[in-house]
Amino acid sequence: MKVRIDPDICQGQGRCFSIAPGLFGFDELGNGVVIGDGTLQADTLALAQLAQANCPEHAIFIEE
């Protein structure tokens, strides 16, 4: 599974980074980005799901 952030939707609230700083970072405009290729392991899947549930713009997507 992989996680991604839609850059057209993200407004840089930073909740994803607050929840999972090992998975998410910021670009030069302050919007959220996925660190690495977004591949999720069993331990990072739960963090990605929590970040997804807390994203006010619903910009985080988890795909198989």
N, C-alpha and C. Protein backbone atom coordinates (compact mmCIF):
# COMPACT_ATOMS: atom_id res chain seq x y z
N MET A 1 0.84 -1.18 0.00
CA MET A 1 0.00 0.00 0.00
C MET A 1 0.89 1.24 0.00
N LYS A 2 0.34 2.30 -0.57
CA LYS A 2 1.07 3.56 -0.63
C LYS A 2 0.17 4.71 -0.18
N VAL A 3 0.82 5.74 0.36
CA VAL A 3 0.12 6.94 0.76
C VAL A 3 0.58 8.08 -0.16
N ARG A 4 -0.35 8.96 -0.48
CA ARG A 4 0.00 10.14 -1.27
C ARG A 4 -0.82 11.32 -0.80
N ILE A 5 -0.32 12.51 -1.08
CA ILE A 5 -1.04 13.75 -0.78
C ILE A 5 -1.32 14.43 -2.11
N ASP A 6 -2.56 14.82 -2.31
CA ASP A 6 -2.93 15.57 -3.52
C ASP A 6 -2.51 17.02 -3.32
N PRO A 7 -1.53 17.50 -4.09
CA PRO A 7 -1.03 18.86 -3.90
C PRO A 7 -2.05 19.94 -4.28
N ASP A 8 -3.05 19.57 -5.07
CA ASP A 8 -4.08 20.54 -5.45
C ASP A 8 -5.10 20.76 -4.33
N ILE A 9 -5.17 19.83 -3.40
CA ILE A 9 -6.13 19.91 -2.30
C ILE A 9 -5.49 20.41 -1.01
N CYS A 10 -4.24 20.00 -0.76
CA CYS A 10 -3.56 20.32 0.50
C CYS A 10 -3.41 21.83 0.68
N GLN A 11 -3.72 22.29 1.89
CA GLN A 11 -3.58 23.72 2.22
C GLN A 11 -2.53 23.96 3.30
N GLY A 12 -1.75 22.93 3.63
CA GLY A 12 -0.64 23.10 4.55
C GLY A 12 -1.01 23.24 6.01
N GLN A 13 -2.07 22.58 6.45
CA GLN A 13 -2.47 22.64 7.86
C GLN A 13 -1.44 21.98 8.78
N GLY A 14 -0.72 20.98 8.27
CA GLY A 14 0.35 20.35 9.03
C GLY A 14 -0.06 19.25 9.98
N ARG A 15 -1.31 18.85 9.96
CA ARG A 15 -1.73 17.78 10.87
C ARG A 15 -1.05 16.46 10.54
N CYS A 16 -0.85 16.19 9.26
CA CYS A 16 -0.18 14.94 8.87
C CYS A 16 1.22 14.88 9.46
N PHE A 17 1.94 15.98 9.38
CA PHE A 17 3.30 16.04 9.93
C PHE A 17 3.28 15.89 11.44
N SER A 18 2.30 16.49 12.09
CA SER A 18 2.20 16.39 13.55
C SER A 18 1.94 14.95 14.00
N ILE A 19 1.16 14.23 13.21
CA ILE A 19 0.81 12.85 13.55
C ILE A 19 1.91 11.87 13.16
N ALA A 20 2.49 12.06 11.99
CA ALA A 20 3.47 11.10 11.47
C ALA A 20 4.63 11.81 10.78
N PRO A 21 5.53 12.43 11.56
CA PRO A 21 6.65 13.16 10.95
C PRO A 21 7.61 12.26 10.18
N GLY A 22 7.57 10.97 10.40
CA GLY A 22 8.40 10.06 9.62
C GLY A 22 7.84 9.76 8.25
N LEU A 23 6.55 10.07 8.04
CA LEU A 23 5.90 9.82 6.75
C LEU A 23 5.69 11.09 5.93
N PHE A 24 5.52 12.22 6.63
CA PHE A 24 5.15 13.45 5.94
C PHE A 24 6.11 14.59 6.26
N GLY A 25 6.26 15.47 5.30
CA GLY A 25 7.08 16.67 5.47
C GLY A 25 6.38 17.83 4.79
N PHE A 26 7.13 18.88 4.50
CA PHE A 26 6.58 20.08 3.86
C PHE A 26 7.38 20.43 2.62
N ASP A 27 6.71 20.98 1.60
CA ASP A 27 7.43 21.49 0.44
C ASP A 27 7.81 22.94 0.66
N GLU A 28 8.34 23.59 -0.35
CA GLU A 28 8.80 24.98 -0.23
C GLU A 28 7.67 25.98 0.01
N LEU A 29 6.43 25.57 -0.25
CA LEU A 29 5.28 26.45 -0.01
C LEU A 29 4.58 26.15 1.33
N GLY A 30 5.08 25.13 2.04
CA GLY A 30 4.49 24.77 3.31
C GLY A 30 3.37 23.74 3.22
N ASN A 31 3.18 23.17 2.04
CA ASN A 31 2.16 22.14 1.87
C ASN A 31 2.76 20.78 2.19
N GLY A 32 1.91 19.85 2.57
CA GLY A 32 2.35 18.52 2.95
C GLY A 32 2.86 17.71 1.77
N VAL A 33 3.89 16.92 2.03
CA VAL A 33 4.42 15.99 1.04
C VAL A 33 4.72 14.67 1.74
N VAL A 34 4.70 13.61 0.97
CA VAL A 34 5.06 12.30 1.48
C VAL A 34 6.57 12.16 1.38
N ILE A 35 7.18 11.65 2.45
CA ILE A 35 8.62 11.40 2.44
C ILE A 35 8.87 10.06 1.77
N GLY A 36 9.80 10.01 0.85
CA GLY A 36 10.10 8.78 0.13
C GLY A 36 9.07 8.46 -0.91
N ASP A 37 8.90 7.18 -1.19
CA ASP A 37 7.97 6.78 -2.25
C ASP A 37 6.55 6.50 -1.75
N GLY A 38 6.33 6.65 -0.44
CA GLY A 38 5.00 6.48 0.12
C GLY A 38 4.60 5.07 0.47
N THR A 39 5.52 4.12 0.28
CA THR A 39 5.21 2.73 0.60
C THR A 39 4.99 2.58 2.10
N LEU A 40 3.91 1.92 2.45
CA LEU A 40 3.54 1.74 3.85
C LEU A 40 3.82 0.31 4.31
N GLN A 41 4.31 0.21 5.53
CA GLN A 41 4.50 -1.07 6.19
C GLN A 41 3.37 -1.22 7.21
N ALA A 42 3.31 -2.35 7.88
CA ALA A 42 2.24 -2.59 8.85
C ALA A 42 2.24 -1.52 9.94
N ASP A 43 3.40 -1.11 10.40
CA ASP A 43 3.46 -0.12 11.48
C ASP A 43 3.18 1.29 11.00
N THR A 44 3.47 1.61 9.76
CA THR A 44 3.22 2.95 9.26
C THR A 44 1.82 3.11 8.66
N LEU A 45 1.17 2.01 8.35
CA LEU A 45 -0.19 2.07 7.81
C LEU A 45 -1.14 2.72 8.81
N ALA A 46 -1.06 2.34 10.06
CA ALA A 46 -1.95 2.91 11.09
C ALA A 46 -1.71 4.41 11.24
N LEU A 47 -0.47 4.85 11.17
CA LEU A 47 -0.18 6.28 11.26
C LEU A 47 -0.72 7.02 10.04
N ALA A 48 -0.55 6.44 8.87
CA ALA A 48 -1.07 7.07 7.65
C ALA A 48 -2.59 7.17 7.70
N GLN A 49 -3.25 6.14 8.21
CA GLN A 49 -4.71 6.17 8.33
C GLN A 49 -5.16 7.24 9.33
N LEU A 50 -4.43 7.39 10.42
CA LEU A 50 -4.75 8.41 11.40
C LEU A 50 -4.56 9.80 10.79
N ALA A 51 -3.49 10.00 10.06
CA ALA A 51 -3.26 11.28 9.40
C ALA A 51 -4.36 11.56 8.37
N GLN A 52 -4.74 10.54 7.63
CA GLN A 52 -5.81 10.67 6.64
C GLN A 52 -7.11 11.10 7.31
N ALA A 53 -7.44 10.48 8.41
CA ALA A 53 -8.69 10.78 9.12
C ALA A 53 -8.68 12.18 9.71
N ASN A 54 -7.50 12.73 9.97
CA ASN A 54 -7.40 14.05 10.59
C ASN A 54 -7.10 15.18 9.61
N CYS A 55 -6.99 14.87 8.35
CA CYS A 55 -6.70 15.91 7.35
C CYS A 55 -7.98 16.70 7.06
N PRO A 56 -7.99 18.01 7.39
CA PRO A 56 -9.21 18.79 7.19
C PRO A 56 -9.61 18.96 5.72
N GLU A 57 -8.65 18.84 4.82
CA GLU A 57 -8.96 18.99 3.39
C GLU A 57 -9.20 17.65 2.70
N HIS A 58 -9.00 16.54 3.42
CA HIS A 58 -9.13 15.20 2.84
C HIS A 58 -8.20 15.05 1.64
N ALA A 59 -6.95 15.50 1.82
CA ALA A 59 -5.96 15.48 0.74
C ALA A 59 -5.06 14.24 0.78
N ILE A 60 -5.22 13.40 1.78
CA ILE A 60 -4.37 12.22 1.92
C ILE A 60 -5.13 10.99 1.41
N PHE A 61 -4.45 10.23 0.55
CA PHE A 61 -5.05 9.05 -0.05
C PHE A 61 -4.16 7.84 0.20
N ILE A 62 -4.78 6.74 0.58
CA ILE A 62 -4.07 5.48 0.76
C ILE A 62 -4.57 4.53 -0.32
N GLU A 63 -3.63 4.04 -1.11
CA GLU A 63 -3.98 3.21 -2.28
C GLU A 63 -3.26 1.88 -2.22
N GLU A 64 -3.91 0.88 -2.77
CA GLU A 64 -3.29 -0.46 -2.82
C GLU A 64 -2.51 -0.63 -4.08
